[in-house]
Amino acid sequence: MRSSFNLPRFIAGISFAALAVAALAQTTAPAQSPSARKDRVFLKDVEGIWINESYLSVLAALKSPHAAARKTPPVVIAIRREGRAYPIVITDFHKASLQAVLDLEPDGKPGAYRLVVGADDKPMSSSEVKYIRFEAAKNAQGKFDRLRIAEPDFMKGKWADYVPIAGELSPQLNRFVIAGNYRDEKGQTWNFSESGEATWPGQKFNYELSLNDPGANCDYLQVESADKGADSDKGANDKKGVDDKKRYGYGWKGGKLSIFTARLAGNKVVCDAKPVAVLAPQ
């Protein structure tokens, strides 16, 4: 299992190509020849990004990623074919694991299946692989519109319903939490786009929501500068171990969105108590 990586950027597009080249270059997808059985399930049938449905419901209600993550595990399971490989990435937005799907097998009863997952394509005993069990039924179009999965690591084998995400994940999470047009007390316009661009009075920038940071005292977003020169400086600072990311806290109260100054205190993100702006949705 991996930790300490840029999850918002990672999950925004879930770039399997880079991960597969680095970690799964030798993995080959299991042979799956067509079958006469109409209920036969192939890996392509479960390919895509699947997210814990209860987490989405809580997130939509609270509009607070950190509070939602404390209440319901924000587990995402992503499977996408890369060449002849089927890498599988599982994350809770704080840590992530990368493995390879070796096979998809029936699991003893109609509508029950299991993914056989391993680190690579070398010969393995049954004790070296993991099984991710799931139950599902195809809809009238012959597709799965939800999976009931017993994820063994992040969910400790607890069954939960997962729904597919069409396209990239970040825009949909942004829409649940913060995307929209706003006006502040001075009548100035503020905007957060679903695709991750913010337009504030006097400045524009790309943003990423923090989705699961147990140490922070607030929800916050990280600023991505569009200035290439700034990116160069950032690279230099990264090499020196300097965190120069700009952050803003935010929170909903009484139907309005408050924006706070945020800073690092040690290795924790802390927001000021007094907001710099209170925004009314338009």
C-alpha atoms as a PDB file:
ATOM      1  CA  MET A   1       0.000   0.000   0.000  1.00  0.00           C
ATOM      2  CA  ARG A   2       1.284   3.453  -0.811  1.00  0.00           C
ATOM      3  CA  SER A   3       0.872   6.779   0.941  1.00  0.00           C
ATOM      4  CA  SER A   4       2.174  10.381   0.728  1.00  0.00           C
ATOM      5  CA  PHE A   5       1.252  11.170  -2.854  1.00  0.00           C
ATOM      6  CA  ASN A   6      -0.848  13.880  -4.511  1.00  0.00           C
ATOM      7  CA  LEU A   7      -4.240  12.182  -4.415  1.00  0.00           C
ATOM      8  CA  PRO A   8      -6.398  14.978  -5.847  1.00  0.00           C
ATOM      9  CA  ARG A   9      -4.201  15.224  -8.934  1.00  0.00           C
ATOM     10  CA  PHE A  10      -3.888  11.442  -9.116  1.00  0.00           C
ATOM     11  CA  ILE A  11      -7.621  10.812  -8.872  1.00  0.00           C
ATOM     12  CA  ALA A  12      -8.554  13.636 -11.248  1.00  0.00           C
ATOM     13  CA  GLY A  13      -7.765  11.468 -14.229  1.00  0.00           C
ATOM     14  CA  ILE A  14      -6.457   8.224 -12.702  1.00  0.00           C
ATOM     15  CA  SER A  15      -3.600   7.874 -15.152  1.00  0.00           C
ATOM     16  CA  PHE A  16      -3.170   4.137 -15.396  1.00  0.00           C
ATOM     17  CA  ALA A  17      -0.632   4.389 -18.214  1.00  0.00           C
ATOM     18  CA  ALA A  18       2.125   5.806 -16.019  1.00  0.00           C
ATOM     19  CA  LEU A  19       1.310   3.464 -13.161  1.00  0.00           C
ATOM     20  CA  ALA A  20       1.178   0.436 -15.413  1.00  0.00           C
ATOM     21  CA  VAL A  21       4.510   1.212 -17.052  1.00  0.00           C
ATOM     22  CA  ALA A  22       6.154   1.684 -13.692  1.00  0.00           C
ATOM     23  CA  ALA A  23       4.665  -1.219 -11.809  1.00  0.00           C
ATOM     24  CA  LEU A  24       2.905  -3.596 -14.161  1.00  0.00           C
ATOM     25  CA  ALA A  25       4.943  -3.643 -17.332  1.00  0.00           C
ATOM     26  CA  GLN A  26       5.087  -7.417 -17.395  1.00  0.00           C
ATOM     27  CA  THR A  27       1.460  -8.104 -16.422  1.00  0.00           C
ATOM     28  CA  THR A  28      -0.799  -9.630 -19.026  1.00  0.00           C
ATOM     29  CA  ALA A  29      -4.576  -9.697 -18.947  1.00  0.00           C
ATOM     30  CA  PRO A  30      -6.229 -13.069 -18.539  1.00  0.00           C
ATOM     31  CA  ALA A  31      -7.554 -14.663 -21.677  1.00  0.00           C
ATOM     32  CA  GLN A  32     -11.300 -14.143 -21.944  1.00  0.00           C
ATOM     33  CA  SER A  33     -12.752 -15.775 -25.006  1.00  0.00           C
ATOM     34  CA  PRO A  34     -16.408 -15.239 -25.875  1.00  0.00           C
ATOM     35  CA  SER A  35     -18.838 -17.646 -24.259  1.00  0.00           C
ATOM     36  CA  ALA A  36     -22.249 -18.831 -25.313  1.00  0.00           C
ATOM     37  CA  ARG A  37     -23.585 -18.035 -21.835  1.00  0.00           C
ATOM     38  CA  LYS A  38     -25.367 -14.713 -21.844  1.00  0.00           C
ATOM     39  CA  ASP A  39     -24.663 -14.209 -18.128  1.00  0.00           C
ATOM     40  CA  ARG A  40     -20.900 -14.630 -18.577  1.00  0.00           C
ATOM     41  CA  VAL A  41     -18.983 -11.754 -17.020  1.00  0.00           C
ATOM     42  CA  PHE A  42     -15.681 -10.438 -18.362  1.00  0.00           C
ATOM     43  CA  LEU A  43     -13.199  -7.947 -16.972  1.00  0.00           C
ATOM     44  CA  LYS A  44     -14.352  -5.384 -19.521  1.00  0.00           C
ATOM     45  CA  ASP A  45     -17.773  -5.518 -17.829  1.00  0.00           C
ATOM     46  CA  VAL A  46     -16.339  -4.111 -14.585  1.00  0.00           C
ATOM     47  CA  GLU A  47     -13.774  -1.797 -16.133  1.00  0.00           C
ATOM     48  CA  GLY A  48     -14.076   1.808 -14.936  1.00  0.00           C
ATOM     49  CA  ILE A  49     -14.122   3.909 -11.777  1.00  0.00           C
ATOM     50  CA  TRP A  50     -16.375   2.705  -8.953  1.00  0.00           C
ATOM     51  CA  ILE A  51     -17.036   4.720  -5.786  1.00  0.00           C
ATOM     52  CA  ASN A  52     -18.699   3.849  -2.502  1.00  0.00           C
ATOM     53  CA  GLU A  53     -22.314   4.996  -2.988  1.00  0.00           C
ATOM     54  CA  SER A  54     -22.928   5.792   0.678  1.00  0.00           C
ATOM     55  CA  TYR A  55     -19.923   8.145   0.663  1.00  0.00           C
ATOM     56  CA  LEU A  56     -21.363  10.079  -2.285  1.00  0.00           C
ATOM     57  CA  SER A  57     -24.680  10.439  -0.466  1.00  0.00           C
ATOM     58  CA  VAL A  58     -22.996  11.734   2.694  1.00  0.00           C
ATOM     59  CA  LEU A  59     -20.752  14.075   0.699  1.00  0.00           C
ATOM     60  CA  ALA A  60     -23.732  15.572  -1.149  1.00  0.00           C
ATOM     61  CA  ALA A  61     -25.527  16.156   2.150  1.00  0.00           C
ATOM     62  CA  LEU A  62     -22.593  17.571   4.161  1.00  0.00           C
ATOM     63  CA  LYS A  63     -20.634  19.370   1.397  1.00  0.00           C
ATOM     64  CA  SER A  64     -17.576  18.614   3.519  1.00  0.00           C
ATOM     65  CA  PRO A  65     -15.113  15.996   2.190  1.00  0.00           C
ATOM     66  CA  HIS A  66     -13.280  15.627   5.506  1.00  0.00           C
ATOM     67  CA  ALA A  67     -16.474  15.183   7.533  1.00  0.00           C
ATOM     68  CA  ALA A  68     -17.857  12.772   4.930  1.00  0.00           C
ATOM     69  CA  ALA A  69     -14.646  10.694   5.044  1.00  0.00           C
ATOM     70  CA  ARG A  70     -14.881  10.470   8.850  1.00  0.00           C
ATOM     71  CA  LYS A  71     -18.465   9.243   8.613  1.00  0.00           C
ATOM     72  CA  THR A  72     -18.246   6.874   5.632  1.00  0.00           C
ATOM     73  CA  PRO A  73     -15.151   5.333   3.995  1.00  0.00           C
ATOM     74  CA  PRO A  74     -14.526   7.148   0.686  1.00  0.00           C
ATOM     75  CA  VAL A  75     -13.288   4.079  -1.171  1.00  0.00           C
ATOM     76  CA  VAL A  76     -12.710   4.250  -4.928  1.00  0.00           C
ATOM     77  CA  ILE A  77     -11.917   1.157  -7.018  1.00  0.00           C
ATOM     78  CA  ALA A  78     -10.611   1.813 -10.518  1.00  0.00           C
ATOM     79  CA  ILE A  79      -9.947  -0.824 -13.166  1.00  0.00           C
ATOM     80  CA  ARG A  80      -8.832   0.102 -16.636  1.00  0.00           C
ATOM     81  CA  ARG A  81      -7.156  -1.889 -19.371  1.00  0.00           C
ATOM     82  CA  GLU A  82      -3.647  -0.772 -20.319  1.00  0.00           C
ATOM     83  CA  GLY A  83      -2.328  -2.785 -23.253  1.00  0.00           C
ATOM     84  CA  ARG A  84      -2.742  -6.392 -22.150  1.00  0.00           C
ATOM     85  CA  ALA A  85      -2.808  -5.504 -18.444  1.00  0.00           C
ATOM     86  CA  TYR A  86      -5.696  -4.745 -16.113  1.00  0.00           C
ATOM     87  CA  PRO A  87      -4.201  -2.673 -13.266  1.00  0.00           C
ATOM     88  CA  ILE A  88      -6.498  -2.029 -10.313  1.00  0.00           C
ATOM     89  CA  VAL A  89      -6.089   1.045  -8.110  1.00  0.00           C
ATOM     90  CA  ILE A  90      -7.926   1.277  -4.787  1.00  0.00           C
ATOM     91  CA  THR A  91      -7.809   4.453  -2.700  1.00  0.00           C
ATOM     92  CA  ASP A  92      -9.507   6.208   0.195  1.00  0.00           C
ATOM     93  CA  PHE A  93      -7.995   9.561  -0.930  1.00  0.00           C
ATOM     94  CA  HIS A  94      -5.354   9.239   1.782  1.00  0.00           C
ATOM     95  CA  LYS A  95      -3.581   6.020   0.833  1.00  0.00           C
ATOM     96  CA  ALA A  96      -3.712   3.867  -2.285  1.00  0.00           C
ATOM     97  CA  SER A  97      -2.789   0.415  -3.513  1.00  0.00           C
ATOM     98  CA  LEU A  98      -1.833  -0.632  -7.042  1.00  0.00           C
ATOM     99  CA  GLN A  99      -2.086  -4.265  -8.147  1.00  0.00           C
ATOM    100  CA  ALA A 100      -3.082  -6.322 -11.185  1.00  0.00           C
ATOM    101  CA  VAL A 101      -6.287  -8.225 -11.826  1.00  0.00           C
ATOM    102  CA  LEU A 102      -5.231 -11.742 -12.795  1.00  0.00           C
ATOM    103  CA  ASP A 103      -8.645 -13.286 -13.370  1.00  0.00           C
ATOM    104  CA  LEU A 104     -12.373 -12.944 -12.785  1.00  0.00           C
ATOM    105  CA  GLU A 105     -14.081 -16.048 -11.459  1.00  0.00           C
ATOM    106  CA  PRO A 106     -17.603 -17.196 -10.524  1.00  0.00           C
ATOM    107  CA  ASP A 107     -18.030 -17.323  -6.754  1.00  0.00           C
ATOM    108  CA  GLY A 108     -20.415 -20.150  -6.000  1.00  0.00           C
ATOM    109  CA  LYS A 109     -23.850 -18.693  -6.691  1.00  0.00           C
ATOM    110  CA  PRO A 110     -25.641 -16.768  -9.470  1.00  0.00           C
ATOM    111  CA  GLY A 111     -24.596 -13.142  -9.599  1.00  0.00           C
ATOM    112  CA  ALA A 112     -21.562 -13.708  -7.351  1.00  0.00           C
ATOM    113  CA  TYR A 113     -18.001 -13.257  -8.620  1.00  0.00           C
ATOM    114  CA  ARG A 114     -14.490 -12.590  -7.409  1.00  0.00           C
ATOM    115  CA  LEU A 115     -11.516 -10.725  -8.821  1.00  0.00           C
ATOM    116  CA  VAL A 116      -8.213 -12.549  -8.407  1.00  0.00           C
ATOM    117  CA  VAL A 117      -5.652  -9.844  -7.638  1.00  0.00           C
ATOM    118  CA  GLY A 118      -1.870 -10.064  -7.382  1.00  0.00           C
ATOM    119  CA  ALA A 119       1.245  -7.932  -7.452  1.00  0.00           C
ATOM    120  CA  ASP A 120       2.369  -9.124 -10.905  1.00  0.00           C
ATOM    121  CA  ASP A 121       2.140 -12.024 -13.342  1.00  0.00           C
ATOM    122  CA  LYS A 122       4.669 -14.367 -11.771  1.00  0.00           C
ATOM    123  CA  PRO A 123       3.393 -17.782 -10.639  1.00  0.00           C
ATOM    124  CA  MET A 124       1.555 -17.447  -7.326  1.00  0.00           C
ATOM    125  CA  SER A 125      -0.003 -19.761  -4.828  1.00  0.00           C
ATOM    126  CA  SER A 126      -3.528 -19.181  -3.556  1.00  0.00           C
ATOM    127  CA  SER A 127      -2.029 -17.722  -0.381  1.00  0.00           C
ATOM    128  CA  GLU A 128      -0.249 -15.002  -2.388  1.00  0.00           C
ATOM    129  CA  VAL A 129      -3.266 -13.628  -4.228  1.00  0.00           C
ATOM    130  CA  LYS A 130      -6.186 -11.635  -2.911  1.00  0.00           C
ATOM    131  CA  TYR A 131      -9.812 -12.103  -3.771  1.00  0.00           C
ATOM    132  CA  ILE A 132     -12.147  -9.161  -4.125  1.00  0.00           C
ATOM    133  CA  ARG A 133     -15.670 -10.553  -4.009  1.00  0.00           C
ATOM    134  CA  PHE A 134     -18.575  -8.788  -5.621  1.00  0.00           C
ATOM    135  CA  GLU A 135     -22.193  -9.358  -6.499  1.00  0.00           C
ATOM    136  CA  ALA A 136     -23.968  -7.778  -9.460  1.00  0.00           C
ATOM    137  CA  ALA A 137     -26.715  -8.156 -12.034  1.00  0.00           C
ATOM    138  CA  LYS A 138     -26.698  -6.646 -15.507  1.00  0.00           C
ATOM    139  CA  ASN A 139     -29.355  -4.138 -16.468  1.00  0.00           C
ATOM    140  CA  ALA A 140     -31.531  -4.256 -19.598  1.00  0.00           C
ATOM    141  CA  GLN A 141     -28.638  -2.849 -21.622  1.00  0.00           C
ATOM    142  CA  GLY A 142     -26.341  -5.678 -20.509  1.00  0.00           C
ATOM    143  CA  LYS A 143     -24.229  -3.440 -18.249  1.00  0.00           C
ATOM    144  CA  PHE A 144     -23.583  -3.174 -14.539  1.00  0.00           C
ATOM    145  CA  ASP A 145     -24.945   0.028 -13.002  1.00  0.00           C
ATOM    146  CA  ARG A 146     -23.836  -0.947  -9.491  1.00  0.00           C
ATOM    147  CA  LEU A 147     -21.599  -3.507  -7.803  1.00  0.00           C
ATOM    148  CA  ARG A 148     -21.865  -4.825  -4.276  1.00  0.00           C
ATOM    149  CA  ILE A 149     -18.230  -5.321  -3.254  1.00  0.00           C
ATOM    150  CA  ALA A 150     -16.471  -6.759  -0.203  1.00  0.00           C
ATOM    151  CA  GLU A 151     -13.191  -4.817  -0.508  1.00  0.00           C
ATOM    152  CA  PRO A 152     -10.636  -6.605   1.734  1.00  0.00           C
ATOM    153  CA  ASP A 153      -8.160  -3.845   2.661  1.00  0.00           C
ATOM    154  CA  PHE A 154      -9.682  -0.399   3.097  1.00  0.00           C
ATOM    155  CA  MET A 155     -13.138  -1.806   3.953  1.00  0.00           C
ATOM    156  CA  LYS A 156     -11.873  -4.908   5.832  1.00  0.00           C
ATOM    157  CA  GLY A 157     -14.188  -7.145   3.830  1.00  0.00           C
ATOM    158  CA  LYS A 158     -17.345  -5.158   4.647  1.00  0.00           C
ATOM    159  CA  TRP A 159     -19.930  -5.265   1.870  1.00  0.00           C
ATOM    160  CA  ALA A 160     -20.906  -1.945   0.292  1.00  0.00           C
ATOM    161  CA  ASP A 161     -22.594  -0.713  -2.862  1.00  0.00           C
ATOM    162  CA  TYR A 162     -20.444   0.991  -5.502  1.00  0.00           C
ATOM    163  CA  VAL A 163     -21.653   3.040  -8.451  1.00  0.00           C
ATOM    164  CA  PRO A 164     -19.747   3.903 -11.646  1.00  0.00           C
ATOM    165  CA  ILE A 165     -18.347   7.349 -12.361  1.00  0.00           C
ATOM    166  CA  ALA A 166     -18.575   8.490 -15.969  1.00  0.00           C
ATOM    167  CA  GLY A 167     -15.462  10.391 -17.012  1.00  0.00           C
ATOM    168  CA  GLU A 168     -13.153  11.921 -14.412  1.00  0.00           C
ATOM    169  CA  LEU A 169     -13.913  11.819 -10.709  1.00  0.00           C
ATOM    170  CA  SER A 170     -12.770  15.274  -9.536  1.00  0.00           C
ATOM    171  CA  PRO A 171     -15.340  17.318 -11.515  1.00  0.00           C
ATOM    172  CA  GLN A 172     -18.172  15.329  -9.998  1.00  0.00           C
ATOM    173  CA  LEU A 173     -16.842  15.746  -6.463  1.00  0.00           C
ATOM    174  CA  ASN A 174     -16.328  19.475  -7.107  1.00  0.00           C
ATOM    175  CA  ARG A 175     -19.955  19.725  -8.195  1.00  0.00           C
ATOM    176  CA  PHE A 176     -21.175  18.096  -4.973  1.00  0.00           C
ATOM    177  CA  VAL A 177     -19.058  20.346  -2.742  1.00  0.00           C
ATOM    178  CA  ILE A 178     -18.201  23.757  -4.126  1.00  0.00           C
ATOM    179  CA  ALA A 179     -18.704  24.301  -7.865  1.00  0.00           C
ATOM    180  CA  GLY A 180     -20.935  27.258  -8.721  1.00  0.00           C
ATOM    181  CA  ASN A 181     -21.273  31.026  -8.945  1.00  0.00           C
ATOM    182  CA  TYR A 182     -21.250  33.187  -5.807  1.00  0.00           C
ATOM    183  CA  ARG A 183     -21.405  36.819  -4.729  1.00  0.00           C
ATOM    184  CA  ASP A 184     -19.675  38.284  -1.660  1.00  0.00           C
ATOM    185  CA  GLU A 185     -20.777  41.044   0.737  1.00  0.00           C
ATOM    186  CA  LYS A 186     -19.345  43.688  -1.606  1.00  0.00           C
ATOM    187  CA  GLY A 187     -21.285  42.360  -4.581  1.00  0.00           C
ATOM    188  CA  GLN A 188     -18.197  40.879  -6.234  1.00  0.00           C
ATOM    189  CA  THR A 189     -18.488  37.652  -8.238  1.00  0.00           C
ATOM    190  CA  TRP A 190     -16.676  34.432  -7.298  1.00  0.00           C
ATOM    191  CA  ASN A 191     -16.723  31.224  -9.323  1.00  0.00           C
ATOM    192  CA  PHE A 192     -15.589  27.630  -8.844  1.00  0.00           C
ATOM    193  CA  SER A 193     -15.905  25.525 -11.996  1.00  0.00           C
ATOM    194  CA  GLU A 194     -16.543  21.793 -11.942  1.00  0.00           C
ATOM    195  CA  SER A 195     -13.326  21.232 -13.879  1.00  0.00           C
ATOM    196  CA  GLY A 196     -11.216  22.875 -11.149  1.00  0.00           C
ATOM    197  CA  GLU A 197     -10.778  26.517 -12.126  1.00  0.00           C
ATOM    198  CA  ALA A 198     -11.459  29.299  -9.621  1.00  0.00           C
ATOM    199  CA  THR A 199     -12.146  32.910 -10.593  1.00  0.00           C
ATOM    200  CA  TRP A 200     -12.021  35.295  -7.644  1.00  0.00           C
ATOM    201  CA  PRO A 201     -11.862  39.092  -7.521  1.00  0.00           C
ATOM    202  CA  GLY A 202      -8.416  39.945  -8.877  1.00  0.00           C
ATOM    203  CA  GLN A 203      -7.145  36.407  -9.399  1.00  0.00           C
ATOM    204  CA  LYS A 204      -7.655  33.136 -11.247  1.00  0.00           C
ATOM    205  CA  PHE A 205      -6.166  29.773 -10.416  1.00  0.00           C
ATOM    206  CA  ASN A 206      -6.689  26.016 -10.640  1.00  0.00           C
ATOM    207  CA  TYR A 207      -7.787  24.307  -7.470  1.00  0.00           C
ATOM    208  CA  GLU A 208      -7.881  20.820  -5.967  1.00  0.00           C
ATOM    209  CA  LEU A 209     -10.082  19.830  -3.053  1.00  0.00           C
ATOM    210  CA  SER A 210      -8.475  18.035  -0.148  1.00  0.00           C
ATOM    211  CA  LEU A 211     -10.595  14.920   0.179  1.00  0.00           C
ATOM    212  CA  ASN A 212      -9.246  13.079   3.211  1.00  0.00           C
ATOM    213  CA  ASP A 213      -6.818  14.792   5.583  1.00  0.00           C
ATOM    214  CA  PRO A 214      -7.405  13.541   9.153  1.00  0.00           C
ATOM    215  CA  GLY A 215      -4.960  16.062  10.638  1.00  0.00           C
ATOM    216  CA  ALA A 216      -6.534  19.239   9.226  1.00  0.00           C
ATOM    217  CA  ASN A 217      -8.906  21.356  11.312  1.00  0.00           C
ATOM    218  CA  CYS A 218     -10.933  22.410   8.258  1.00  0.00           C
ATOM    219  CA  ASP A 219     -11.824  21.527   4.702  1.00  0.00           C
ATOM    220  CA  TYR A 220      -9.451  23.192   2.271  1.00  0.00           C
ATOM    221  CA  LEU A 221      -8.439  23.475  -1.344  1.00  0.00           C
ATOM    222  CA  GLN A 222      -4.945  23.670  -2.785  1.00  0.00           C
ATOM    223  CA  VAL A 223      -4.000  26.250  -5.384  1.00  0.00           C
ATOM    224  CA  GLU A 224      -2.238  25.258  -8.581  1.00  0.00           C
ATOM    225  CA  SER A 225      -0.482  28.183 -10.196  1.00  0.00           C
ATOM    226  CA  ALA A 226      -0.919  28.588 -13.956  1.00  0.00           C
ATOM    227  CA  ASP A 227       2.437  30.408 -14.097  1.00  0.00           C
ATOM    228  CA  LYS A 228       5.091  28.157 -15.640  1.00  0.00           C
ATOM    229  CA  GLY A 229       7.769  30.119 -13.844  1.00  0.00           C
ATOM    230  CA  ALA A 230       6.041  29.385 -10.571  1.00  0.00           C
ATOM    231  CA  ASP A 231       5.987  25.698 -11.495  1.00  0.00           C
ATOM    232  CA  SER A 232       9.756  25.827 -12.042  1.00  0.00           C
ATOM    233  CA  ASP A 233      10.261  27.430  -8.637  1.00  0.00           C
ATOM    234  CA  LYS A 234       7.977  24.849  -7.106  1.00  0.00           C
ATOM    235  CA  GLY A 235      10.122  22.051  -8.493  1.00  0.00           C
ATOM    236  CA  ALA A 236      13.195  23.632  -6.952  1.00  0.00           C
ATOM    237  CA  ASN A 237      11.461  23.983  -3.599  1.00  0.00           C
ATOM    238  CA  ASP A 238      10.195  20.405  -3.740  1.00  0.00           C
ATOM    239  CA  LYS A 239      13.768  19.225  -4.110  1.00  0.00           C
ATOM    240  CA  LYS A 240      14.646  21.188  -0.972  1.00  0.00           C
ATOM    241  CA  GLY A 241      11.705  19.701   0.912  1.00  0.00           C
ATOM    242  CA  VAL A 242       9.879  23.053   1.080  1.00  0.00           C
ATOM    243  CA  ASP A 243       6.067  23.048   0.959  1.00  0.00           C
ATOM    244  CA  ASP A 244       5.119  26.243  -0.904  1.00  0.00           C
ATOM    245  CA  LYS A 245       1.562  25.260  -1.783  1.00  0.00           C
ATOM    246  CA  LYS A 246      -1.077  27.893  -1.188  1.00  0.00           C
ATOM    247  CA  ARG A 247      -4.262  26.742   0.496  1.00  0.00           C
ATOM    248  CA  TYR A 248      -7.638  28.206   1.345  1.00  0.00           C
ATOM    249  CA  GLY A 249     -10.085  26.788   3.837  1.00  0.00           C
ATOM    250  CA  TYR A 250     -13.808  26.736   3.261  1.00  0.00           C
ATOM    251  CA  GLY A 251     -16.977  25.727   5.026  1.00  0.00           C
ATOM    252  CA  TRP A 252     -20.720  25.860   4.584  1.00  0.00           C
ATOM    253  CA  LYS A 253     -22.991  27.457   7.201  1.00  0.00           C
ATOM    254  CA  GLY A 254     -26.547  28.660   6.840  1.00  0.00           C
ATOM    255  CA  GLY A 255     -26.479  28.066   3.086  1.00  0.00           C
ATOM    256  CA  LYS A 256     -23.440  30.314   2.585  1.00  0.00           C
ATOM    257  CA  LEU A 257     -19.836  29.452   1.780  1.00  0.00           C
ATOM    258  CA  SER A 258     -17.107  30.945   3.967  1.00  0.00           C
ATOM    259  CA  ILE A 259     -13.526  31.239   2.686  1.00  0.00           C
ATOM    260  CA  PHE A 260     -10.638  31.181   5.157  1.00  0.00           C
ATOM    261  CA  THR A 261      -6.903  31.709   5.056  1.00  0.00           C
ATOM    262  CA  ALA A 262      -5.165  28.361   5.618  1.00  0.00           C
ATOM    263  CA  ARG A 263      -1.582  27.602   6.568  1.00  0.00           C
ATOM    264  CA  LEU A 264       0.683  24.759   7.628  1.00  0.00           C
ATOM    265  CA  ALA A 265       1.316  24.432  11.350  1.00  0.00           C
ATOM    266  CA  GLY A 266       3.999  21.756  11.525  1.00  0.00           C
ATOM    267  CA  ASN A 267       2.614  19.125   9.183  1.00  0.00           C
ATOM    268  CA  LYS A 268      -1.059  20.002   9.731  1.00  0.00           C
ATOM    269  CA  VAL A 269      -3.270  22.373   7.774  1.00  0.00           C
ATOM    270  CA  VAL A 270      -4.930  24.974  10.006  1.00  0.00           C
ATOM    271  CA  CYS A 271      -7.564  27.503   8.986  1.00  0.00           C
ATOM    272  CA  ASP A 272      -8.037  30.927  10.579  1.00  0.00           C
ATOM    273  CA  ALA A 273     -11.174  31.325  12.666  1.00  0.00           C
ATOM    274  CA  LYS A 274     -12.358  34.464  10.844  1.00  0.00           C
ATOM    275  CA  PRO A 275     -13.334  34.133   7.170  1.00  0.00           C
ATOM    276  CA  VAL A 276     -11.882  36.448   4.550  1.00  0.00           C
ATOM    277  CA  ALA A 277     -15.163  36.298   2.612  1.00  0.00           C
ATOM    278  CA  VAL A 278     -18.690  34.936   3.004  1.00  0.00           C
ATOM    279  CA  LEU A 279     -20.267  33.964  -0.319  1.00  0.00           C
ATOM    280  CA  ALA A 280     -23.905  33.582  -1.258  1.00  0.00           C
ATOM    281  CA  PRO A 281     -24.711  31.118  -4.067  1.00  0.00           C
ATOM    282  CA  GLN A 282     -26.211  32.694  -7.187  1.00  0.00           C
END
